[in-house]
Amino acid sequence: MNVESIRSEIKEIIGRVASIDPGTITDNASFVDDLDLDSLSLLEIGVDVDYAFKLGVPEERLQELRTVQDSVELVLEKFKNRTENLALAGEGS
């Protein structure tokens, strides 16, 4: 999965939760200041991103997400960690 497809999926999730056209959401728009999302919406977005990408991120970490870019970086970080762990597991075989 490439960065653009991750970004697009995250914007779709935000759009669905917030009833916003995903095409109008910029990468650096603040969820709170620019999109006027409340804490419940933020939690729902975090949980939906976690579920969509099967990340297994603690709720505390999800609450740190402030922008689309933050969300994309979290997904990429988790994918990188997962790939590295799989490579290490393969070396032990």
N, C-alpha and C. Protein backbone atom coordinates (compact mmCIF):
# COMPACT_ATOMS: atom_id res chain seq x y z
N MET A 1 0.85 -1.17 0.00
CA MET A 1 0.00 0.00 0.00
C MET A 1 0.90 1.24 0.00
N ASN A 2 0.64 2.17 -0.91
CA ASN A 2 1.48 3.35 -1.01
C ASN A 2 0.92 4.51 -0.18
N VAL A 3 1.71 5.55 -0.07
CA VAL A 3 1.37 6.69 0.78
C VAL A 3 0.07 7.36 0.32
N GLU A 4 -0.09 7.51 -0.97
CA GLU A 4 -1.29 8.18 -1.48
C GLU A 4 -2.56 7.39 -1.19
N SER A 5 -2.49 6.07 -1.28
CA SER A 5 -3.69 5.27 -0.98
C SER A 5 -4.00 5.31 0.51
N ILE A 6 -2.96 5.36 1.35
CA ILE A 6 -3.16 5.50 2.79
C ILE A 6 -3.82 6.85 3.08
N ARG A 7 -3.28 7.91 2.48
CA ARG A 7 -3.81 9.26 2.68
C ARG A 7 -5.27 9.33 2.23
N SER A 8 -5.56 8.75 1.09
CA SER A 8 -6.92 8.77 0.55
C SER A 8 -7.89 8.03 1.47
N GLU A 9 -7.48 6.88 1.97
CA GLU A 9 -8.33 6.09 2.88
C GLU A 9 -8.60 6.87 4.16
N ILE A 10 -7.58 7.52 4.70
CA ILE A 10 -7.75 8.31 5.92
C ILE A 10 -8.71 9.46 5.68
N LYS A 11 -8.58 10.14 4.55
CA LYS A 11 -9.49 11.24 4.23
C LYS A 11 -10.92 10.74 4.06
N GLU A 12 -11.09 9.55 3.50
CA GLU A 12 -12.42 8.95 3.37
C GLU A 12 -13.02 8.70 4.76
N ILE A 13 -12.22 8.19 5.67
CA ILE A 13 -12.68 7.93 7.03
C ILE A 13 -13.10 9.23 7.70
N ILE A 14 -12.27 10.26 7.58
CA ILE A 14 -12.60 11.56 8.19
C ILE A 14 -13.88 12.11 7.57
N GLY A 15 -13.98 12.02 6.25
CA GLY A 15 -15.17 12.52 5.57
C GLY A 15 -16.43 11.84 6.03
N ARG A 16 -16.36 10.52 6.20
CA ARG A 16 -17.53 9.76 6.65
C ARG A 16 -17.91 10.12 8.07
N VAL A 17 -16.93 10.19 8.95
CA VAL A 17 -17.20 10.49 10.36
C VAL A 17 -17.72 11.92 10.53
N ALA A 18 -17.12 12.85 9.80
CA ALA A 18 -17.42 14.27 10.00
C ALA A 18 -18.42 14.84 8.99
N SER A 19 -18.89 13.99 8.07
CA SER A 19 -19.78 14.45 7.00
C SER A 19 -19.18 15.62 6.22
N ILE A 20 -17.91 15.43 5.84
CA ILE A 20 -17.16 16.41 5.06
C ILE A 20 -16.74 15.75 3.76
N ASP A 21 -16.73 16.52 2.67
CA ASP A 21 -16.23 16.01 1.40
C ASP A 21 -14.73 15.73 1.56
N PRO A 22 -14.30 14.47 1.40
CA PRO A 22 -12.88 14.15 1.57
C PRO A 22 -11.96 14.98 0.67
N GLY A 23 -12.46 15.41 -0.48
CA GLY A 23 -11.65 16.20 -1.40
C GLY A 23 -11.32 17.58 -0.87
N THR A 24 -12.03 18.03 0.14
CA THR A 24 -11.77 19.36 0.70
C THR A 24 -10.83 19.32 1.90
N ILE A 25 -10.45 18.13 2.33
CA ILE A 25 -9.60 17.97 3.52
C ILE A 25 -8.14 18.04 3.10
N THR A 26 -7.41 19.01 3.63
CA THR A 26 -5.99 19.12 3.32
C THR A 26 -5.18 18.25 4.29
N ASP A 27 -3.97 17.95 3.89
CA ASP A 27 -3.12 17.08 4.70
C ASP A 27 -2.77 17.67 6.06
N ASN A 28 -2.66 18.98 6.13
CA ASN A 28 -2.24 19.62 7.37
C ASN A 28 -3.37 20.33 8.09
N ALA A 29 -4.60 20.08 7.66
CA ALA A 29 -5.75 20.69 8.35
C ALA A 29 -5.84 20.11 9.76
N SER A 30 -5.97 20.98 10.73
CA SER A 30 -6.14 20.55 12.11
C SER A 30 -7.54 19.97 12.27
N PHE A 31 -7.62 18.78 12.86
CA PHE A 31 -8.93 18.17 13.08
C PHE A 31 -9.83 19.07 13.91
N VAL A 32 -9.26 19.73 14.90
CA VAL A 32 -10.04 20.56 15.81
C VAL A 32 -10.21 21.98 15.27
N ASP A 33 -9.10 22.63 14.95
CA ASP A 33 -9.16 24.05 14.56
C ASP A 33 -9.75 24.27 13.18
N ASP A 34 -9.41 23.43 12.21
CA ASP A 34 -9.86 23.64 10.83
C ASP A 34 -11.14 22.86 10.48
N LEU A 35 -11.27 21.66 11.02
CA LEU A 35 -12.42 20.83 10.66
C LEU A 35 -13.50 20.83 11.73
N ASP A 36 -13.26 21.51 12.85
CA ASP A 36 -14.24 21.63 13.94
C ASP A 36 -14.74 20.29 14.46
N LEU A 37 -13.84 19.33 14.60
CA LEU A 37 -14.23 18.02 15.11
C LEU A 37 -14.16 18.01 16.63
N ASP A 38 -15.10 17.32 17.25
CA ASP A 38 -15.11 17.21 18.71
C ASP A 38 -14.33 15.96 19.13
N SER A 39 -14.16 15.78 20.43
CA SER A 39 -13.35 14.68 20.93
C SER A 39 -13.92 13.31 20.56
N LEU A 40 -15.23 13.19 20.52
CA LEU A 40 -15.84 11.92 20.14
C LEU A 40 -15.53 11.59 18.68
N SER A 41 -15.61 12.59 17.81
CA SER A 41 -15.28 12.38 16.40
C SER A 41 -13.81 12.02 16.23
N LEU A 42 -12.96 12.67 17.00
CA LEU A 42 -11.52 12.37 16.93
C LEU A 42 -11.25 10.93 17.33
N LEU A 43 -11.90 10.49 18.39
CA LEU A 43 -11.73 9.11 18.83
C LEU A 43 -12.24 8.14 17.77
N GLU A 44 -13.39 8.44 17.19
CA GLU A 44 -13.95 7.57 16.16
C GLU A 44 -13.02 7.49 14.95
N ILE A 45 -12.45 8.61 14.54
CA ILE A 45 -11.51 8.61 13.42
C ILE A 45 -10.29 7.76 13.77
N GLY A 46 -9.74 7.96 14.96
CA GLY A 46 -8.58 7.18 15.38
C GLY A 46 -8.86 5.70 15.39
N VAL A 47 -9.99 5.31 15.94
CA VAL A 47 -10.36 3.89 16.01
C VAL A 47 -10.59 3.34 14.60
N ASP A 48 -11.25 4.11 13.74
CA ASP A 48 -11.50 3.65 12.37
C ASP A 48 -10.21 3.51 11.57
N VAL A 49 -9.27 4.43 11.76
CA VAL A 49 -7.97 4.32 11.09
C VAL A 49 -7.24 3.08 11.60
N ASP A 50 -7.25 2.89 12.91
CA ASP A 50 -6.62 1.72 13.51
C ASP A 50 -7.21 0.43 12.95
N TYR A 51 -8.51 0.37 12.85
CA TYR A 51 -9.20 -0.82 12.35
C TYR A 51 -8.94 -1.02 10.85
N ALA A 52 -9.03 0.05 10.08
CA ALA A 52 -8.88 -0.04 8.62
C ALA A 52 -7.50 -0.59 8.23
N PHE A 53 -6.48 -0.21 8.99
CA PHE A 53 -5.12 -0.61 8.65
C PHE A 53 -4.58 -1.71 9.58
N LYS A 54 -5.45 -2.19 10.48
CA LYS A 54 -5.08 -3.28 11.41
C LYS A 54 -3.77 -2.98 12.14
N LEU A 55 -3.77 -1.83 12.84
CA LEU A 55 -2.55 -1.35 13.48
C LEU A 55 -2.35 -1.84 14.90
N GLY A 56 -3.41 -1.93 15.67
CA GLY A 56 -3.29 -2.31 17.07
C GLY A 56 -2.63 -1.24 17.92
N VAL A 57 -3.00 0.01 17.69
CA VAL A 57 -2.41 1.15 18.39
C VAL A 57 -3.20 1.42 19.66
N PRO A 58 -2.52 1.68 20.78
CA PRO A 58 -3.23 2.02 22.02
C PRO A 58 -4.04 3.31 21.86
N GLU A 59 -5.15 3.39 22.56
CA GLU A 59 -6.03 4.55 22.46
C GLU A 59 -5.29 5.86 22.76
N GLU A 60 -4.36 5.82 23.71
CA GLU A 60 -3.61 7.03 24.06
C GLU A 60 -2.86 7.58 22.85
N ARG A 61 -2.30 6.68 22.07
CA ARG A 61 -1.56 7.11 20.87
C ARG A 61 -2.51 7.68 19.82
N LEU A 62 -3.69 7.09 19.69
CA LEU A 62 -4.67 7.58 18.73
C LEU A 62 -5.11 9.00 19.08
N GLN A 63 -5.15 9.30 20.36
CA GLN A 63 -5.58 10.63 20.80
C GLN A 63 -4.56 11.71 20.47
N GLU A 64 -3.34 11.32 20.08
CA GLU A 64 -2.30 12.27 19.73
C GLU A 64 -2.44 12.77 18.28
N LEU A 65 -3.27 12.12 17.49
CA LEU A 65 -3.41 12.48 16.08
C LEU A 65 -4.12 13.83 15.95
N ARG A 66 -3.50 14.74 15.22
CA ARG A 66 -4.05 16.09 15.07
C ARG A 66 -4.38 16.46 13.63
N THR A 67 -3.75 15.78 12.65
CA THR A 67 -3.94 16.09 11.24
C THR A 67 -3.95 14.82 10.41
N VAL A 68 -4.32 14.94 9.14
CA VAL A 68 -4.23 13.80 8.22
C VAL A 68 -2.78 13.32 8.17
N GLN A 69 -1.86 14.26 8.09
CA GLN A 69 -0.44 13.89 7.99
C GLN A 69 0.01 13.10 9.21
N ASP A 70 -0.43 13.48 10.40
CA ASP A 70 -0.11 12.71 11.62
C ASP A 70 -0.60 11.27 11.47
N SER A 71 -1.80 11.13 10.94
CA SER A 71 -2.40 9.80 10.78
C SER A 71 -1.63 8.97 9.77
N VAL A 72 -1.26 9.59 8.65
CA VAL A 72 -0.48 8.89 7.62
C VAL A 72 0.85 8.43 8.20
N GLU A 73 1.52 9.31 8.94
CA GLU A 73 2.81 8.96 9.53
C GLU A 73 2.68 7.82 10.53
N LEU A 74 1.60 7.78 11.29
CA LEU A 74 1.38 6.68 12.23
C LEU A 74 1.24 5.36 11.47
N VAL A 75 0.43 5.36 10.42
CA VAL A 75 0.23 4.14 9.63
C VAL A 75 1.56 3.67 9.03
N LEU A 76 2.31 4.60 8.45
CA LEU A 76 3.60 4.24 7.85
C LEU A 76 4.57 3.69 8.90
N GLU A 77 4.58 4.31 10.08
CA GLU A 77 5.44 3.84 11.16
C GLU A 77 5.08 2.41 11.56
N LYS A 78 3.80 2.15 11.70
CA LYS A 78 3.36 0.81 12.10
C LYS A 78 3.65 -0.22 11.02
N PHE A 79 3.44 0.17 9.74
CA PHE A 79 3.77 -0.74 8.64
C PHE A 79 5.26 -1.05 8.61
N LYS A 80 6.09 -0.03 8.85
CA LYS A 80 7.54 -0.22 8.85
C LYS A 80 7.93 -1.16 9.99
N ASN A 81 7.38 -0.94 11.17
CA ASN A 81 7.68 -1.81 12.32
C ASN A 81 7.25 -3.25 12.05
N ARG A 82 6.08 -3.40 11.44
CA ARG A 82 5.58 -4.73 11.13
C ARG A 82 6.51 -5.44 10.14
N THR A 83 6.97 -4.73 9.13
CA THR A 83 7.87 -5.29 8.12
C THR A 83 9.19 -5.68 8.76
N GLU A 84 9.72 -4.80 9.61
CA GLU A 84 10.99 -5.10 10.29
C GLU A 84 10.86 -6.31 11.20
N ASN A 85 9.73 -6.42 11.91
CA ASN A 85 9.51 -7.57 12.79
C ASN A 85 9.40 -8.86 12.00
N LEU A 86 8.75 -8.82 10.85
CA LEU A 86 8.63 -10.00 10.00
C LEU A 86 10.01 -10.41 9.48
N ALA A 87 10.83 -9.43 9.12
CA ALA A 87 12.17 -9.72 8.62
C ALA A 87 13.01 -10.36 9.72
N LEU A 88 12.91 -9.83 10.93
CA LEU A 88 13.65 -10.40 12.06
C LEU A 88 13.18 -11.81 12.37
N ALA A 89 11.88 -12.04 12.29
CA ALA A 89 11.35 -13.36 12.55
C ALA A 89 11.84 -14.35 11.50
N GLY A 90 11.96 -13.88 10.26
CA GLY A 90 12.45 -14.73 9.18
C GLY A 90 13.91 -15.10 9.35
N GLU A 91 14.68 -14.19 9.94
CA GLU A 91 16.10 -14.46 10.16
C GLU A 91 16.30 -15.53 11.23
N GLY A 92 15.35 -15.64 12.13
CA GLY A 92 15.47 -16.62 13.21
C GLY A 92 15.10 -18.02 12.79
N SER A 93 14.56 -18.16 11.59
CA SER A 93 14.13 -19.49 11.12
C SER A 93 15.27 -20.36 10.70
